[in-house]
C-alpha atoms as a PDB file:
ATOM      1  CA  MET A   1     -67.429 -85.450 -66.171  1.00  0.00           C
ATOM      2  CA  PHE A   2     -65.977 -84.972 -62.707  1.00  0.00           C
ATOM      3  CA  ARG A   3     -64.767 -87.956 -60.730  1.00  0.00           C
ATOM      4  CA  ARG A   4     -65.834 -87.863 -57.108  1.00  0.00           C
ATOM      5  CA  TRP A   5     -64.577 -90.370 -54.563  1.00  0.00           C
ATOM      6  CA  GLY A   6     -67.422 -92.505 -53.284  1.00  0.00           C
ATOM      7  CA  TRP A   7     -69.998 -91.087 -55.686  1.00  0.00           C
ATOM      8  CA  ALA A   8     -69.550 -93.640 -58.462  1.00  0.00           C
ATOM      9  CA  LYS A   9     -72.510 -95.646 -59.636  1.00  0.00           C
ATOM     10  CA  PRO A  10     -72.737 -99.182 -58.239  1.00  0.00           C
ATOM     11  CA  ASN A  11     -71.994-100.800 -61.583  1.00  0.00           C
ATOM     12  CA  ARG A  12     -68.814 -98.741 -62.100  1.00  0.00           C
ATOM     13  CA  VAL A  13     -65.801-100.333 -60.403  1.00  0.00           C
ATOM     14  CA  ARG A  14     -62.601 -98.371 -59.767  1.00  0.00           C
ATOM     15  CA  SER A  15     -59.893-100.976 -59.962  1.00  0.00           C
ATOM     16  CA  ASN A  16     -56.965 -98.539 -60.093  1.00  0.00           C
ATOM     17  CA  PRO A  17     -57.780 -94.952 -59.034  1.00  0.00           C
ATOM     18  CA  THR A  18     -55.540 -92.183 -60.321  1.00  0.00           C
ATOM     19  CA  PRO A  19     -53.898 -91.165 -57.010  1.00  0.00           C
ATOM     20  CA  LEU A  20     -52.478 -94.693 -56.546  1.00  0.00           C
ATOM     21  CA  ARG A  21     -50.940 -95.155 -59.991  1.00  0.00           C
ATOM     22  CA  MET A  22     -47.167 -95.183 -59.709  1.00  0.00           C
ATOM     23  CA  ASP A  23     -46.523 -94.306 -63.362  1.00  0.00           C
ATOM     24  CA  THR A  24     -48.692 -91.201 -63.016  1.00  0.00           C
ATOM     25  CA  LEU A  25     -46.768 -90.170 -59.903  1.00  0.00           C
ATOM     26  CA  VAL A  26     -43.410 -90.653 -61.651  1.00  0.00           C
ATOM     27  CA  GLN A  27     -44.637 -88.632 -64.621  1.00  0.00           C
ATOM     28  CA  GLN A  28     -45.798 -85.783 -62.402  1.00  0.00           C
ATOM     29  CA  ILE A  29     -42.461 -85.802 -60.551  1.00  0.00           C
ATOM     30  CA  ILE A  30     -40.604 -85.513 -63.868  1.00  0.00           C
ATOM     31  CA  ASN A  31     -42.905 -82.708 -64.974  1.00  0.00           C
ATOM     32  CA  GLY A  32     -42.390 -80.992 -61.628  1.00  0.00           C
ATOM     33  CA  LEU A  33     -38.611 -81.194 -61.833  1.00  0.00           C
ATOM     34  CA  VAL A  34     -38.629 -79.751 -65.349  1.00  0.00           C
ATOM     35  CA  LEU A  35     -40.991 -76.927 -64.390  1.00  0.00           C
ATOM     36  CA  GLY A  36     -39.027 -76.294 -61.193  1.00  0.00           C
ATOM     37  CA  SER A  37     -35.769 -76.143 -63.148  1.00  0.00           C
ATOM     38  CA  MET A  38     -37.139 -73.339 -65.302  1.00  0.00           C
ATOM     39  CA  TYR A  39     -38.371 -71.518 -62.208  1.00  0.00           C
ATOM     40  CA  ALA A  40     -34.919 -72.003 -60.682  1.00  0.00           C
ATOM     41  CA  LEU A  41     -33.142 -70.411 -63.657  1.00  0.00           C
ATOM     42  CA  VAL A  42     -35.259 -67.269 -63.287  1.00  0.00           C
ATOM     43  CA  ALA A  43     -35.055 -67.341 -59.483  1.00  0.00           C
ATOM     44  CA  LEU A  44     -31.256 -67.354 -59.669  1.00  0.00           C
ATOM     45  CA  GLY A  45     -31.396 -63.986 -61.434  1.00  0.00           C
ATOM     46  CA  TYR A  46     -33.766 -62.624 -58.794  1.00  0.00           C
ATOM     47  CA  THR A  47     -31.645 -63.823 -55.919  1.00  0.00           C
ATOM     48  CA  MET A  48     -28.336 -62.558 -57.337  1.00  0.00           C
ATOM     49  CA  VAL A  49     -29.677 -59.024 -57.781  1.00  0.00           C
ATOM     50  CA  TYR A  50     -31.345 -59.049 -54.377  1.00  0.00           C
ATOM     51  CA  GLY A  51     -28.220 -60.399 -52.728  1.00  0.00           C
ATOM     52  CA  ILE A  52     -26.187 -57.464 -54.051  1.00  0.00           C
ATOM     53  CA  ILE A  53     -28.488 -54.449 -53.650  1.00  0.00           C
ATOM     54  CA  ASN A  54     -31.623 -55.733 -51.879  1.00  0.00           C
ATOM     55  CA  LEU A  55     -33.785 -54.991 -54.931  1.00  0.00           C
ATOM     56  CA  ILE A  56     -36.619 -57.151 -56.255  1.00  0.00           C
ATOM     57  CA  ASN A  57     -36.390 -56.679 -60.011  1.00  0.00           C
ATOM     58  CA  PHE A  58     -40.000 -57.348 -60.979  1.00  0.00           C
ATOM     59  CA  ALA A  59     -39.108 -56.696 -64.619  1.00  0.00           C
ATOM     60  CA  HIS A  60     -37.048 -59.892 -64.620  1.00  0.00           C
ATOM     61  CA  GLY A  61     -39.920 -61.985 -65.982  1.00  0.00           C
ATOM     62  CA  GLU A  62     -40.252 -59.598 -68.903  1.00  0.00           C
ATOM     63  CA  VAL A  63     -36.556 -60.074 -69.681  1.00  0.00           C
ATOM     64  CA  LEU A  64     -37.384 -63.789 -69.985  1.00  0.00           C
ATOM     65  CA  MET A  65     -40.188 -62.879 -72.379  1.00  0.00           C
ATOM     66  CA  VAL A  66     -37.875 -60.738 -74.517  1.00  0.00           C
ATOM     67  CA  GLY A  67     -35.352 -63.575 -74.684  1.00  0.00           C
ATOM     68  CA  ALA A  68     -38.009 -66.030 -75.859  1.00  0.00           C
ATOM     69  CA  LEU A  69     -39.363 -63.635 -78.502  1.00  0.00           C
ATOM     70  CA  VAL A  70     -35.897 -62.758 -79.800  1.00  0.00           C
ATOM     71  CA  SER A  71     -35.101 -66.460 -80.065  1.00  0.00           C
ATOM     72  CA  TRP A  72     -38.380 -67.004 -81.930  1.00  0.00           C
ATOM     73  CA  SER A  73     -37.514 -64.192 -84.329  1.00  0.00           C
ATOM     74  CA  VAL A  74     -34.088 -65.666 -85.098  1.00  0.00           C
ATOM     75  CA  VAL A  75     -35.427 -69.204 -85.503  1.00  0.00           C
ATOM     76  CA  THR A  76     -38.234 -67.976 -87.770  1.00  0.00           C
ATOM     77  CA  ALA A  77     -35.853 -65.908 -89.882  1.00  0.00           C
ATOM     78  CA  LEU A  78     -33.484 -68.845 -90.354  1.00  0.00           C
ATOM     79  CA  GLY A  79     -36.196 -71.477 -90.643  1.00  0.00           C
ATOM     80  CA  GLY A  80     -35.941 -71.649 -94.426  1.00  0.00           C
ATOM     81  CA  THR A  81     -32.193 -72.249 -94.499  1.00  0.00           C
ATOM     82  CA  GLY A  82     -32.485 -75.973 -93.854  1.00  0.00           C
ATOM     83  CA  LEU A  83     -30.309 -75.908 -90.750  1.00  0.00           C
ATOM     84  CA  PRO A  84     -30.970 -78.599 -88.125  1.00  0.00           C
ATOM     85  CA  GLY A  85     -33.128 -77.593 -85.184  1.00  0.00           C
ATOM     86  CA  TRP A  86     -30.349 -77.849 -82.610  1.00  0.00           C
ATOM     87  CA  VAL A  87     -28.196 -75.512 -84.735  1.00  0.00           C
ATOM     88  CA  LEU A  88     -31.036 -72.982 -84.879  1.00  0.00           C
ATOM     89  CA  MET A  89     -31.315 -73.131 -81.093  1.00  0.00           C
ATOM     90  CA  LEU A  90     -27.566 -72.668 -80.663  1.00  0.00           C
ATOM     91  CA  VAL A  91     -27.652 -69.678 -83.006  1.00  0.00           C
ATOM     92  CA  SER A  92     -30.712 -68.053 -81.436  1.00  0.00           C
ATOM     93  CA  LEU A  93     -29.588 -68.474 -77.838  1.00  0.00           C
ATOM     94  CA  PRO A  94     -26.517 -66.166 -77.961  1.00  0.00           C
ATOM     95  CA  VAL A  95     -28.567 -63.529 -79.791  1.00  0.00           C
ATOM     96  CA  ALA A  96     -31.280 -63.707 -77.119  1.00  0.00           C
ATOM     97  CA  VAL A  97     -28.667 -63.531 -74.349  1.00  0.00           C
ATOM     98  CA  LEU A  98     -26.969 -60.519 -75.958  1.00  0.00           C
ATOM     99  CA  VAL A  99     -30.251 -58.619 -76.370  1.00  0.00           C
ATOM    100  CA  CYS A 100     -31.387 -59.410 -72.815  1.00  0.00           C
ATOM    101  CA  CYS A 101     -28.024 -58.469 -71.292  1.00  0.00           C
ATOM    102  CA  THR A 102     -28.048 -55.145 -73.124  1.00  0.00           C
ATOM    103  CA  LEU A 103     -31.645 -54.550 -72.037  1.00  0.00           C
ATOM    104  CA  ASN A 104     -31.006 -55.346 -68.380  1.00  0.00           C
ATOM    105  CA  PHE A 105     -27.847 -53.241 -68.338  1.00  0.00           C
ATOM    106  CA  GLY A 106     -29.864 -50.300 -69.635  1.00  0.00           C
ATOM    107  CA  ILE A 107     -32.640 -50.915 -67.101  1.00  0.00           C
ATOM    108  CA  GLU A 108     -30.168 -50.924 -64.218  1.00  0.00           C
ATOM    109  CA  LYS A 109     -28.354 -47.822 -65.387  1.00  0.00           C
ATOM    110  CA  LEU A 110     -31.382 -45.720 -66.317  1.00  0.00           C
ATOM    111  CA  ALA A 111     -34.112 -46.904 -63.939  1.00  0.00           C
ATOM    112  CA  TYR A 112     -32.500 -48.378 -60.822  1.00  0.00           C
ATOM    113  CA  ARG A 113     -29.125 -46.666 -60.349  1.00  0.00           C
ATOM    114  CA  PRO A 114     -30.580 -43.151 -59.805  1.00  0.00           C
ATOM    115  CA  LEU A 115     -32.837 -44.628 -57.086  1.00  0.00           C
ATOM    116  CA  ARG A 116     -30.192 -46.677 -55.313  1.00  0.00           C
ATOM    117  CA  ASN A 117     -30.250 -44.488 -52.195  1.00  0.00           C
ATOM    118  CA  ALA A 118     -33.959 -43.692 -52.390  1.00  0.00           C
ATOM    119  CA  PRO A 119     -36.576 -45.242 -50.062  1.00  0.00           C
ATOM    120  CA  ARG A 120     -37.262 -48.874 -50.928  1.00  0.00           C
ATOM    121  CA  LEU A 121     -40.739 -48.181 -52.243  1.00  0.00           C
ATOM    122  CA  ALA A 122     -39.383 -46.046 -55.115  1.00  0.00           C
ATOM    123  CA  PRO A 123     -37.324 -48.747 -56.903  1.00  0.00           C
ATOM    124  CA  LEU A 124     -40.100 -51.283 -56.250  1.00  0.00           C
ATOM    125  CA  ILE A 125     -42.662 -49.115 -58.043  1.00  0.00           C
ATOM    126  CA  THR A 126     -40.115 -48.420 -60.781  1.00  0.00           C
ATOM    127  CA  ALA A 127     -39.592 -52.158 -61.286  1.00  0.00           C
ATOM    128  CA  MET A 128     -43.335 -52.709 -61.672  1.00  0.00           C
ATOM    129  CA  GLY A 129     -43.565 -49.822 -64.123  1.00  0.00           C
ATOM    130  CA  MET A 130     -40.640 -51.204 -66.104  1.00  0.00           C
ATOM    131  CA  SER A 131     -42.404 -54.575 -66.274  1.00  0.00           C
ATOM    132  CA  LEU A 132     -45.514 -52.992 -67.799  1.00  0.00           C
ATOM    133  CA  LEU A 133     -43.397 -50.886 -70.152  1.00  0.00           C
ATOM    134  CA  LEU A 134     -41.533 -53.924 -71.490  1.00  0.00           C
ATOM    135  CA  GLN A 135     -44.793 -55.816 -71.997  1.00  0.00           C
ATOM    136  CA  THR A 136     -46.232 -52.910 -73.975  1.00  0.00           C
ATOM    137  CA  LEU A 137     -43.119 -52.477 -76.098  1.00  0.00           C
ATOM    138  CA  ALA A 138     -43.034 -56.208 -76.842  1.00  0.00           C
ATOM    139  CA  MET A 139     -46.693 -56.088 -77.845  1.00  0.00           C
ATOM    140  CA  ILE A 140     -45.908 -53.262 -80.273  1.00  0.00           C
ATOM    141  CA  VAL A 141     -42.817 -54.948 -81.734  1.00  0.00           C
ATOM    142  CA  TRP A 142     -44.042 -58.555 -81.917  1.00  0.00           C
ATOM    143  CA  LYS A 143     -47.837 -57.993 -81.938  1.00  0.00           C
ATOM    144  CA  PRO A 144     -50.143 -59.393 -79.246  1.00  0.00           C
ATOM    145  CA  ASN A 145     -51.114 -62.714 -80.821  1.00  0.00           C
ATOM    146  CA  PRO A 146     -49.432 -65.913 -79.512  1.00  0.00           C
ATOM    147  CA  LYS A 147     -46.837 -67.394 -81.855  1.00  0.00           C
ATOM    148  CA  PRO A 148     -45.918 -71.074 -82.214  1.00  0.00           C
ATOM    149  CA  TYR A 149     -42.310 -71.808 -81.331  1.00  0.00           C
ATOM    150  CA  PRO A 150     -40.893 -74.480 -83.699  1.00  0.00           C
ATOM    151  CA  GLN A 151     -39.956 -77.907 -82.382  1.00  0.00           C
ATOM    152  CA  LEU A 152     -36.169 -77.751 -82.653  1.00  0.00           C
ATOM    153  CA  LEU A 153     -35.078 -80.906 -80.838  1.00  0.00           C
ATOM    154  CA  PRO A 154     -36.062 -84.552 -81.439  1.00  0.00           C
ATOM    155  CA  VAL A 155     -39.574 -85.381 -80.276  1.00  0.00           C
ATOM    156  CA  GLU A 156     -39.050 -89.084 -79.601  1.00  0.00           C
ATOM    157  CA  PRO A 157     -39.697 -89.541 -75.869  1.00  0.00           C
ATOM    158  CA  MET A 158     -37.553 -91.545 -73.491  1.00  0.00           C
ATOM    159  CA  HIS A 159     -39.298 -93.903 -71.092  1.00  0.00           C
ATOM    160  CA  ILE A 160     -38.498 -93.928 -67.376  1.00  0.00           C
ATOM    161  CA  GLY A 161     -40.476 -96.198 -65.052  1.00  0.00           C
ATOM    162  CA  GLY A 162     -43.643 -95.982 -67.119  1.00  0.00           C
ATOM    163  CA  ALA A 163     -43.299 -92.212 -67.585  1.00  0.00           C
ATOM    164  CA  VAL A 164     -41.881 -90.291 -70.523  1.00  0.00           C
ATOM    165  CA  ILE A 165     -39.415 -87.433 -70.792  1.00  0.00           C
ATOM    166  CA  SER A 166     -38.399 -85.524 -73.904  1.00  0.00           C
ATOM    167  CA  VAL A 167     -34.956 -84.445 -75.085  1.00  0.00           C
ATOM    168  CA  THR A 168     -35.938 -80.819 -74.408  1.00  0.00           C
ATOM    169  CA  GLN A 169     -36.813 -81.647 -70.804  1.00  0.00           C
ATOM    170  CA  VAL A 170     -33.533 -83.485 -70.284  1.00  0.00           C
ATOM    171  CA  LEU A 171     -31.737 -80.429 -71.657  1.00  0.00           C
ATOM    172  CA  ILE A 172     -33.603 -78.172 -69.211  1.00  0.00           C
ATOM    173  CA  LEU A 173     -32.609 -80.327 -66.229  1.00  0.00           C
ATOM    174  CA  ALA A 174     -28.973 -80.514 -67.330  1.00  0.00           C
ATOM    175  CA  THR A 175     -28.830 -76.776 -68.042  1.00  0.00           C
ATOM    176  CA  THR A 176     -30.123 -75.871 -64.596  1.00  0.00           C
ATOM    177  CA  ALA A 177     -27.633 -78.169 -62.864  1.00  0.00           C
ATOM    178  CA  ALA A 178     -24.721 -76.832 -64.926  1.00  0.00           C
ATOM    179  CA  THR A 179     -25.811 -73.228 -64.369  1.00  0.00           C
ATOM    180  CA  LEU A 180     -25.967 -73.637 -60.601  1.00  0.00           C
ATOM    181  CA  ALA A 181     -22.516 -75.250 -60.546  1.00  0.00           C
ATOM    182  CA  ALA A 182     -21.081 -72.441 -62.691  1.00  0.00           C
ATOM    183  CA  LEU A 183     -22.632 -69.725 -60.504  1.00  0.00           C
ATOM    184  CA  MET A 184     -21.411 -71.345 -57.294  1.00  0.00           C
ATOM    185  CA  PHE A 185     -17.899 -71.469 -58.748  1.00  0.00           C
ATOM    186  CA  LEU A 186     -18.169 -67.862 -59.917  1.00  0.00           C
ATOM    187  CA  VAL A 187     -19.344 -66.513 -56.565  1.00  0.00           C
ATOM    188  CA  ASN A 188     -17.066 -68.563 -54.336  1.00  0.00           C
ATOM    189  CA  ARG A 189     -13.889 -69.078 -56.375  1.00  0.00           C
ATOM    190  CA  THR A 190     -13.323 -66.079 -58.623  1.00  0.00           C
ATOM    191  CA  ARG A 191     -12.206 -62.499 -58.192  1.00  0.00           C
ATOM    192  CA  LEU A 192     -15.553 -61.229 -59.481  1.00  0.00           C
ATOM    193  CA  GLY A 193     -17.310 -63.422 -56.943  1.00  0.00           C
ATOM    194  CA  ARG A 194     -15.259 -61.928 -54.114  1.00  0.00           C
ATOM    195  CA  ALA A 195     -16.144 -58.460 -55.376  1.00  0.00           C
ATOM    196  CA  MET A 196     -19.827 -59.461 -55.436  1.00  0.00           C
ATOM    197  CA  ARG A 197     -19.697 -60.739 -51.867  1.00  0.00           C
ATOM    198  CA  ALA A 198     -17.852 -57.620 -50.704  1.00  0.00           C
ATOM    199  CA  THR A 199     -20.365 -55.333 -52.396  1.00  0.00           C
ATOM    200  CA  ALA A 200     -23.258 -57.283 -50.913  1.00  0.00           C
ATOM    201  CA  GLU A 201     -21.708 -56.964 -47.443  1.00  0.00           C
ATOM    202  CA  ASN A 202     -20.961 -53.242 -47.584  1.00  0.00           C
ATOM    203  CA  PRO A 203     -20.552 -51.344 -50.867  1.00  0.00           C
ATOM    204  CA  ARG A 204     -18.835 -48.334 -49.258  1.00  0.00           C
ATOM    205  CA  VAL A 205     -16.160 -50.419 -47.565  1.00  0.00           C
ATOM    206  CA  ALA A 206     -15.775 -52.507 -50.722  1.00  0.00           C
ATOM    207  CA  ALA A 207     -15.114 -49.306 -52.687  1.00  0.00           C
ATOM    208  CA  LEU A 208     -12.365 -48.378 -50.225  1.00  0.00           C
ATOM    209  CA  MET A 209     -10.735 -51.759 -50.888  1.00  0.00           C
ATOM    210  CA  GLY A 210     -10.591 -51.151 -54.651  1.00  0.00           C
ATOM    211  CA  VAL A 211     -13.867 -52.749 -55.686  1.00  0.00           C
ATOM    212  CA  LYS A 212     -16.055 -50.774 -58.095  1.00  0.00           C
ATOM    213  CA  PRO A 213     -19.620 -51.315 -56.820  1.00  0.00           C
ATOM    214  CA  ASP A 214     -21.285 -49.848 -59.924  1.00  0.00           C
ATOM    215  CA  VAL A 215     -19.396 -52.257 -62.175  1.00  0.00           C
ATOM    216  CA  VAL A 216     -20.181 -55.214 -59.907  1.00  0.00           C
ATOM    217  CA  ILE A 217     -23.888 -54.352 -59.760  1.00  0.00           C
ATOM    218  CA  SER A 218     -24.119 -53.893 -63.538  1.00  0.00           C
ATOM    219  CA  THR A 219     -22.334 -57.207 -64.050  1.00  0.00           C
ATOM    220  CA  THR A 220     -24.791 -58.894 -61.711  1.00  0.00           C
ATOM    221  CA  PHE A 221     -27.712 -57.535 -63.735  1.00  0.00           C
ATOM    222  CA  ILE A 222     -26.055 -58.781 -66.924  1.00  0.00           C
ATOM    223  CA  ILE A 223     -25.599 -62.283 -65.488  1.00  0.00           C
ATOM    224  CA  GLY A 224     -29.206 -62.291 -64.315  1.00  0.00           C
ATOM    225  CA  ALA A 225     -30.354 -61.275 -67.803  1.00  0.00           C
ATOM    226  CA  ALA A 226     -28.360 -64.116 -69.367  1.00  0.00           C
ATOM    227  CA  LEU A 227     -30.091 -66.563 -67.019  1.00  0.00           C
ATOM    228  CA  ALA A 228     -33.493 -65.082 -67.881  1.00  0.00           C
ATOM    229  CA  ALA A 229     -32.778 -65.352 -71.622  1.00  0.00           C
ATOM    230  CA  LEU A 230     -31.704 -68.966 -71.186  1.00  0.00           C
ATOM    231  CA  ALA A 231     -34.873 -69.703 -69.220  1.00  0.00           C
ATOM    232  CA  GLY A 232     -36.969 -67.955 -71.885  1.00  0.00           C
ATOM    233  CA  VAL A 233     -35.570 -70.104 -74.687  1.00  0.00           C
ATOM    234  CA  MET A 234     -36.043 -73.249 -72.607  1.00  0.00           C
ATOM    235  CA  TRP A 235     -39.602 -72.212 -71.721  1.00  0.00           C
ATOM    236  CA  ALA A 236     -40.479 -71.560 -75.372  1.00  0.00           C
ATOM    237  CA  ALA A 237     -38.918 -74.828 -76.518  1.00  0.00           C
ATOM    238  CA  ASN A 238     -40.779 -76.805 -73.849  1.00  0.00           C
ATOM    239  CA  TYR A 239     -44.237 -75.243 -74.246  1.00  0.00           C
ATOM    240  CA  GLY A 240     -44.065 -74.365 -77.941  1.00  0.00           C
ATOM    241  CA  THR A 241     -45.566 -70.877 -77.811  1.00  0.00           C
ATOM    242  CA  VAL A 242     -44.434 -67.303 -77.134  1.00  0.00           C
ATOM    243  CA  GLN A 243     -46.246 -64.005 -76.576  1.00  0.00           C
ATOM    244  CA  HIS A 244     -45.749 -60.635 -74.910  1.00  0.00           C
ATOM    245  CA  THR A 245     -47.363 -61.619 -71.584  1.00  0.00           C
ATOM    246  CA  MET A 246     -45.591 -64.948 -71.172  1.00  0.00           C
ATOM    247  CA  GLY A 247     -43.034 -63.655 -68.668  1.00  0.00           C
ATOM    248  CA  PHE A 248     -45.374 -62.284 -66.012  1.00  0.00           C
ATOM    249  CA  LEU A 249     -46.522 -65.498 -64.321  1.00  0.00           C
ATOM    250  CA  PRO A 250     -43.156 -67.339 -64.549  1.00  0.00           C
ATOM    251  CA  GLY A 251     -41.499 -64.235 -63.091  1.00  0.00           C
ATOM    252  CA  LEU A 252     -43.967 -64.160 -60.224  1.00  0.00           C
ATOM    253  CA  LYS A 253     -43.546 -67.888 -59.609  1.00  0.00           C
ATOM    254  CA  ALA A 254     -39.750 -67.572 -59.737  1.00  0.00           C
ATOM    255  CA  PHE A 255     -39.905 -64.781 -57.174  1.00  0.00           C
ATOM    256  CA  THR A 256     -41.992 -67.099 -54.998  1.00  0.00           C
ATOM    257  CA  ALA A 257     -39.381 -69.828 -55.469  1.00  0.00           C
ATOM    258  CA  ALA A 258     -36.570 -67.444 -54.509  1.00  0.00           C
ATOM    259  CA  VAL A 259     -38.418 -66.449 -51.325  1.00  0.00           C
ATOM    260  CA  LEU A 260     -39.285 -70.073 -50.582  1.00  0.00           C
ATOM    261  CA  GLY A 261     -35.661 -71.200 -50.805  1.00  0.00           C
ATOM    262  CA  GLY A 262     -34.208 -68.067 -49.189  1.00  0.00           C
ATOM    263  CA  ILE A 263     -33.717 -65.037 -51.393  1.00  0.00           C
ATOM    264  CA  GLY A 264     -30.068 -64.107 -51.621  1.00  0.00           C
ATOM    265  CA  ASN A 265     -29.010 -67.780 -51.497  1.00  0.00           C
ATOM    266  CA  LEU A 266     -28.126 -69.446 -54.816  1.00  0.00           C
ATOM    267  CA  GLY A 267     -28.737 -72.971 -53.615  1.00  0.00           C
ATOM    268  CA  GLY A 268     -31.960 -71.835 -51.977  1.00  0.00           C
ATOM    269  CA  ALA A 269     -33.225 -70.434 -55.295  1.00  0.00           C
ATOM    270  CA  VAL A 270     -32.785 -73.818 -56.966  1.00  0.00           C
ATOM    271  CA  VAL A 271     -34.289 -75.726 -54.037  1.00  0.00           C
ATOM    272  CA  GLY A 272     -37.236 -73.340 -53.947  1.00  0.00           C
ATOM    273  CA  GLY A 273     -37.774 -73.643 -57.692  1.00  0.00           C
ATOM    274  CA  LEU A 274     -37.715 -77.435 -57.630  1.00  0.00           C
ATOM    275  CA  LEU A 275     -40.044 -77.621 -54.629  1.00  0.00           C
ATOM    276  CA  LEU A 276     -42.474 -75.216 -56.233  1.00  0.00           C
ATOM    277  CA  GLY A 277     -42.424 -77.119 -59.511  1.00  0.00           C
ATOM    278  CA  LEU A 278     -43.082 -80.404 -57.719  1.00  0.00           C
ATOM    279  CA  LEU A 279     -45.923 -78.863 -55.722  1.00  0.00           C
ATOM    280  CA  GLU A 280     -47.574 -77.573 -58.869  1.00  0.00           C
ATOM    281  CA  ALA A 281     -47.103 -80.709 -60.952  1.00  0.00           C
ATOM    282  CA  ILE A 282     -48.255 -83.162 -58.301  1.00  0.00           C
ATOM    283  CA  GLY A 283     -51.100 -80.831 -57.368  1.00  0.00           C
ATOM    284  CA  ALA A 284     -52.192 -80.605 -61.009  1.00  0.00           C
ATOM    285  CA  GLY A 285     -52.215 -84.386 -61.247  1.00  0.00           C
ATOM    286  CA  TYR A 286     -54.258 -85.059 -58.141  1.00  0.00           C
ATOM    287  CA  LEU A 287     -56.087 -81.857 -57.227  1.00  0.00           C
ATOM    288  CA  GLY A 288     -59.285 -82.805 -59.042  1.00  0.00           C
ATOM    289  CA  ASP A 289     -59.507 -86.224 -57.377  1.00  0.00           C
ATOM    290  CA  LEU A 290     -58.602 -84.975 -53.916  1.00  0.00           C
ATOM    291  CA  THR A 291     -61.260 -82.240 -54.020  1.00  0.00           C
ATOM    292  CA  GLY A 292     -63.956 -84.352 -55.622  1.00  0.00           C
ATOM    293  CA  GLY A 293     -63.803 -82.370 -58.839  1.00  0.00           C
ATOM    294  CA  VAL A 294     -64.402 -79.019 -57.145  1.00  0.00           C
ATOM    295  CA  LEU A 295     -60.909 -77.762 -58.056  1.00  0.00           C
ATOM    296  CA  GLY A 296     -59.340 -78.815 -61.348  1.00  0.00           C
ATOM    297  CA  SER A 297     -55.774 -78.641 -62.573  1.00  0.00           C
ATOM    298  CA  HIS A 298     -56.337 -75.049 -63.771  1.00  0.00           C
ATOM    299  CA  TYR A 299     -56.354 -74.017 -60.092  1.00  0.00           C
ATOM    300  CA  VAL A 300     -52.785 -75.210 -59.634  1.00  0.00           C
ATOM    301  CA  ASP A 301     -51.475 -71.655 -59.138  1.00  0.00           C
ATOM    302  CA  ILE A 302     -52.925 -71.678 -55.625  1.00  0.00           C
ATOM    303  CA  PHE A 303     -50.041 -73.926 -54.548  1.00  0.00           C
ATOM    304  CA  ALA A 304     -47.416 -71.343 -55.479  1.00  0.00           C
ATOM    305  CA  PHE A 305     -49.048 -68.474 -53.679  1.00  0.00           C
ATOM    306  CA  ALA A 306     -50.173 -70.560 -50.706  1.00  0.00           C
ATOM    307  CA  ALA A 307     -46.529 -71.648 -50.316  1.00  0.00           C
ATOM    308  CA  LEU A 308     -45.439 -67.993 -50.478  1.00  0.00           C
ATOM    309  CA  ILE A 309     -47.910 -67.011 -47.754  1.00  0.00           C
ATOM    310  CA  LEU A 310     -46.857 -69.895 -45.518  1.00  0.00           C
ATOM    311  CA  VAL A 311     -43.152 -69.191 -45.907  1.00  0.00           C
ATOM    312  CA  LEU A 312     -43.540 -65.472 -45.284  1.00  0.00           C
ATOM    313  CA  THR A 313     -45.631 -66.249 -42.217  1.00  0.00           C
ATOM    314  CA  LEU A 314     -43.652 -69.102 -40.668  1.00  0.00           C
ATOM    315  CA  ARG A 315     -40.103 -68.542 -41.962  1.00  0.00           C
ATOM    316  CA  PRO A 316     -39.625 -65.154 -43.644  1.00  0.00           C
ATOM    317  CA  SER A 317     -35.950 -65.844 -44.391  1.00  0.00           C
ATOM    318  CA  GLY A 318     -36.823 -68.940 -46.462  1.00  0.00           C
ATOM    319  CA  LEU A 319     -35.729 -72.549 -46.139  1.00  0.00           C
ATOM    320  CA  LEU A 320     -32.013 -71.875 -46.659  1.00  0.00           C
ATOM    321  CA  GLY A 321     -31.894 -68.106 -46.189  1.00  0.00           C
ATOM    322  CA  GLU A 322     -30.481 -67.800 -42.685  1.00  0.00           C
ATOM    323  CA  ARG A 323     -28.479 -64.709 -43.437  1.00  0.00           C
ATOM    324  CA  VAL A 324     -29.957 -61.804 -45.313  1.00  0.00           C
ATOM    325  CA  ALA A 325     -28.649 -58.640 -43.743  1.00  0.00           C
ATOM    326  CA  ASP A 326     -30.726 -55.514 -43.752  1.00  0.00           C
ATOM    327  CA  ARG A 327     -28.463 -52.718 -44.927  1.00  0.00           C
ATOM    328  CA  ALA A 328     -31.085 -50.008 -45.085  1.00  0.00           C
END
């Protein structure tokens, strides 16, 4: 069952072992880029909120989950209308974004704003509690059993160098690239972006200059929720299933990606997400062979958390996070 290097029977010849196959490597790279792109979408929400108020919103993964389940509800409700799959996705996405933005706005106003000047441990514990609360509410509303997410886009694969990529995966890659470009333009070229940077630098001084920090912070949470909803729909479309616990692990991995790239840095969030996705995908493809079958692909999560430990130990600011001021 397990393949162990050097342990094969004499009459069994390995003419082309898995680690040396180029098509397998290309396929794992594609899978890693797709997975990393979804991590990056969630990590962008983490890093925007942290960059403004130095808060790790651990409920962010659950916002992703809510977006995916709302999209599933809309697609299921309209499934009998005969509309094409891409139309159903376009209809469900704005609904998911609207629900998630409203949810995150309420979370910020009710749970985080009263604790803005409290010790850092208080909002951290509140974020964890909010994560569990959202999971429980989703379980009550949508029931705990996993639900199949319909295949909305064409399933015919495209071939690249012996590997395959689906239309959904191409959409995920393009969406992440477009989202990063739009956020970079927003932060660096717009009035709202200047207000965000001023609030991140010093909210009291920004208020004296006419900026409304509460409005800026709420807007940042809303943008982060829209990104989480987008990632949730992409995640559901790619993996074909949704449930109330689906946001926990992607949220944790996205947080790892944000730290890896440099939390508070938009480009760093995307770089960290892509690197983490590549680590996981390539590790899943070759981990069993490299360890002689001791560790299989289901142990792939060790790469994410090993990377987090290494980064926090060797470079706490992340790969691109040279400036994260401590305003406490």
